[in-house]
N, C-alpha and C. Protein backbone atom coordinates (compact mmCIF):
# COMPACT_ATOMS: atom_id res chain seq x y z
N MET A 1 6.64 -22.33 -14.03
CA MET A 1 7.01 -20.89 -14.50
C MET A 1 5.97 -20.14 -13.89
N ALA A 2 6.05 -18.78 -13.45
CA ALA A 2 5.11 -17.89 -13.00
C ALA A 2 5.19 -16.59 -14.22
N THR A 3 4.14 -15.90 -14.12
CA THR A 3 4.27 -14.67 -14.92
C THR A 3 4.05 -13.41 -14.04
N LEU A 4 4.86 -12.46 -14.39
CA LEU A 4 4.38 -11.05 -13.94
C LEU A 4 4.21 -10.32 -15.18
N LYS A 5 3.34 -9.25 -15.12
CA LYS A 5 2.71 -8.55 -16.31
C LYS A 5 2.81 -6.92 -15.73
N HIS A 6 3.83 -6.10 -16.44
CA HIS A 6 4.09 -4.81 -16.00
C HIS A 6 3.78 -4.35 -17.23
N ARG A 7 2.81 -3.09 -17.51
CA ARG A 7 2.52 -2.20 -18.52
C ARG A 7 2.62 -3.11 -19.70
N ASP A 8 3.30 -3.19 -20.80
CA ASP A 8 3.28 -4.11 -21.99
C ASP A 8 4.17 -5.13 -22.14
N LYS A 9 4.79 -5.37 -20.72
CA LYS A 9 5.86 -6.20 -20.91
C LYS A 9 5.30 -7.68 -19.83
N THR A 10 5.71 -8.81 -20.39
CA THR A 10 5.79 -9.80 -19.53
C THR A 10 6.69 -10.54 -19.15
N TYR A 11 7.05 -10.86 -17.95
CA TYR A 11 8.38 -11.54 -17.68
C TYR A 11 8.05 -12.91 -17.02
N THR A 12 8.89 -13.94 -17.35
CA THR A 12 8.56 -15.04 -16.57
C THR A 12 9.54 -15.50 -15.52
N VAL A 13 9.09 -15.73 -14.38
CA VAL A 13 9.90 -15.91 -13.29
C VAL A 13 9.90 -17.33 -12.70
N GLU A 14 11.00 -17.80 -11.90
CA GLU A 14 10.91 -18.98 -11.34
C GLU A 14 9.94 -18.84 -9.98
N PRO A 15 8.98 -20.10 -10.05
CA PRO A 15 8.47 -20.06 -8.62
C PRO A 15 9.23 -20.44 -7.57
N GLY A 16 8.74 -19.97 -6.24
CA GLY A 16 9.41 -20.24 -5.17
C GLY A 16 10.06 -19.14 -4.42
N THR A 17 10.56 -18.21 -5.20
CA THR A 17 11.13 -16.97 -4.68
C THR A 17 10.02 -15.93 -4.23
N THR A 18 10.54 -14.83 -3.25
CA THR A 18 9.54 -14.12 -2.80
C THR A 18 9.14 -13.12 -4.21
N LEU A 19 8.21 -12.24 -3.98
CA LEU A 19 7.59 -11.36 -5.00
C LEU A 19 8.73 -10.09 -4.90
N GLU A 20 9.20 -9.76 -3.61
CA GLU A 20 10.28 -8.53 -3.84
C GLU A 20 11.58 -9.04 -4.41
N ARG A 21 11.92 -10.26 -3.99
CA ARG A 21 13.38 -10.49 -4.64
C ARG A 21 13.11 -10.71 -6.40
N ALA A 22 12.06 -11.18 -6.92
CA ALA A 22 11.85 -11.48 -8.10
C ALA A 22 11.75 -9.78 -9.01
N LEU A 23 11.10 -9.06 -8.16
CA LEU A 23 10.91 -7.68 -8.74
C LEU A 23 12.57 -6.98 -8.84
N ARG A 24 13.04 -7.00 -7.95
CA ARG A 24 14.37 -6.49 -7.73
C ARG A 24 15.41 -7.15 -8.89
N GLU A 25 15.27 -8.58 -8.96
CA GLU A 25 16.06 -9.27 -10.00
C GLU A 25 15.77 -8.63 -11.60
N LEU A 26 14.45 -8.04 -11.67
CA LEU A 26 14.01 -7.90 -12.98
C LEU A 26 14.48 -6.37 -13.01
N GLY A 27 14.94 -5.67 -12.02
CA GLY A 27 15.21 -4.18 -12.23
C GLY A 27 13.97 -3.41 -11.84
N ILE A 28 13.05 -3.82 -11.36
CA ILE A 28 11.66 -3.01 -10.96
C ILE A 28 11.65 -2.88 -9.46
N ILE A 29 11.90 -1.43 -8.87
CA ILE A 29 11.80 -1.11 -7.82
C ILE A 29 10.46 -1.40 -6.92
N PRO A 30 10.41 -2.23 -5.98
CA PRO A 30 9.10 -2.62 -5.55
C PRO A 30 8.24 -1.86 -4.89
N GLU A 31 8.63 -0.65 -4.67
CA GLU A 31 7.85 0.44 -3.88
C GLU A 31 7.07 1.19 -5.13
N THR A 32 7.66 0.99 -6.48
CA THR A 32 7.08 1.76 -7.38
C THR A 32 5.66 0.86 -7.84
N VAL A 33 5.33 -0.24 -7.52
CA VAL A 33 4.34 -0.90 -7.98
C VAL A 33 3.35 -1.84 -7.10
N LEU A 34 2.06 -2.29 -7.59
CA LEU A 34 1.31 -2.81 -6.68
C LEU A 34 1.12 -4.28 -7.31
N PRO A 35 1.33 -5.31 -6.52
CA PRO A 35 1.14 -6.48 -7.25
C PRO A 35 -0.20 -6.91 -6.93
N VAL A 36 -0.93 -7.20 -8.00
CA VAL A 36 -2.35 -7.69 -7.93
C VAL A 36 -2.82 -8.99 -8.53
N ARG A 37 -3.28 -10.08 -7.92
CA ARG A 37 -3.79 -11.21 -8.05
C ARG A 37 -5.24 -11.54 -7.88
N ASP A 38 -5.76 -11.74 -9.04
CA ASP A 38 -7.52 -12.09 -8.88
C ASP A 38 -8.02 -10.96 -8.13
N GLY A 39 -7.77 -9.66 -8.72
CA GLY A 39 -8.09 -8.21 -8.13
C GLY A 39 -7.84 -8.00 -6.64
N LYS A 40 -6.97 -8.66 -6.15
CA LYS A 40 -6.56 -8.35 -4.79
C LYS A 40 -5.20 -7.90 -4.59
N ILE A 41 -4.79 -6.98 -4.06
CA ILE A 41 -3.30 -6.91 -3.61
C ILE A 41 -2.43 -7.96 -2.82
N ILE A 42 -1.33 -8.30 -3.30
CA ILE A 42 -0.64 -9.19 -2.36
C ILE A 42 0.77 -8.66 -1.83
N PRO A 43 0.96 -9.22 -0.85
CA PRO A 43 2.28 -8.46 -0.11
C PRO A 43 3.56 -8.99 -1.07
N LEU A 44 4.62 -8.20 -0.80
CA LEU A 44 5.79 -8.35 -1.45
C LEU A 44 6.32 -9.56 -0.91
N SER A 45 6.20 -10.11 0.38
CA SER A 45 6.73 -11.45 0.80
C SER A 45 6.11 -12.49 0.59
N HIS A 46 5.00 -12.59 -0.59
CA HIS A 46 4.46 -13.68 -1.13
C HIS A 46 5.40 -14.47 -2.25
N ARG A 47 5.39 -15.66 -1.69
CA ARG A 47 6.21 -16.57 -2.50
C ARG A 47 5.44 -17.07 -3.68
N ILE A 48 6.06 -16.68 -4.80
CA ILE A 48 5.65 -16.84 -6.13
C ILE A 48 5.29 -18.40 -6.54
N GLU A 49 4.02 -18.82 -6.92
CA GLU A 49 3.74 -19.99 -7.17
C GLU A 49 3.77 -20.59 -8.59
N GLU A 50 3.90 -21.94 -8.79
CA GLU A 50 3.88 -22.38 -10.23
C GLU A 50 2.70 -21.89 -10.84
N GLY A 51 2.74 -21.32 -12.12
CA GLY A 51 1.61 -21.00 -12.94
C GLY A 51 0.70 -19.84 -12.48
N GLU A 52 1.25 -19.07 -11.60
CA GLU A 52 0.66 -18.01 -11.02
C GLU A 52 0.95 -16.75 -11.85
N GLU A 53 0.02 -15.89 -12.06
CA GLU A 53 -0.12 -14.88 -13.06
C GLU A 53 -0.34 -13.66 -12.01
N ILE A 54 0.69 -12.39 -12.11
CA ILE A 54 0.58 -11.28 -11.32
C ILE A 54 0.78 -10.18 -12.12
N GLU A 55 -0.32 -9.17 -11.78
CA GLU A 55 -0.19 -7.93 -12.66
C GLU A 55 0.60 -6.93 -11.72
N LEU A 56 1.27 -6.34 -12.25
CA LEU A 56 1.99 -5.03 -11.62
C LEU A 56 1.54 -3.75 -11.91
N VAL A 57 1.11 -2.96 -11.15
CA VAL A 57 0.20 -2.03 -11.41
C VAL A 57 0.80 -0.69 -10.80
N ASP A 58 1.25 0.35 -11.55
CA ASP A 58 2.09 1.51 -11.00
C ASP A 58 1.55 2.24 -10.22
N VAL A 59 2.34 2.55 -9.31
CA VAL A 59 1.87 3.55 -7.80
C VAL A 59 1.93 4.83 -8.66
N ILE A 60 0.88 5.83 -8.48
CA ILE A 60 0.96 7.05 -9.36
C ILE A 60 0.70 7.97 -7.96
N SER A 61 1.50 9.13 -7.92
CA SER A 61 0.94 10.01 -6.87
C SER A 61 1.05 11.50 -7.72
N GLY A 62 0.42 12.40 -6.81
CA GLY A 62 0.62 13.80 -7.33
C GLY A 62 -0.31 14.68 -6.70
N GLY A 63 -0.43 15.70 -6.96
CA GLY A 63 -1.52 16.69 -6.62
C GLY A 63 -2.01 17.79 -7.24
């Protein structure tokens, strides 16, 4: 299993799927978050690996 952390929630997801698909299945709109692993942004096309931990940082805009 792999872990996605968003705000105060932790989600367990199956490895092998793309990050974009996992987010959509969880009801998270991919364009609203930045996936970060080890301090670096990773693409939505990334295939989730066993044991991976990914933090989802909210995209904030305004003026």
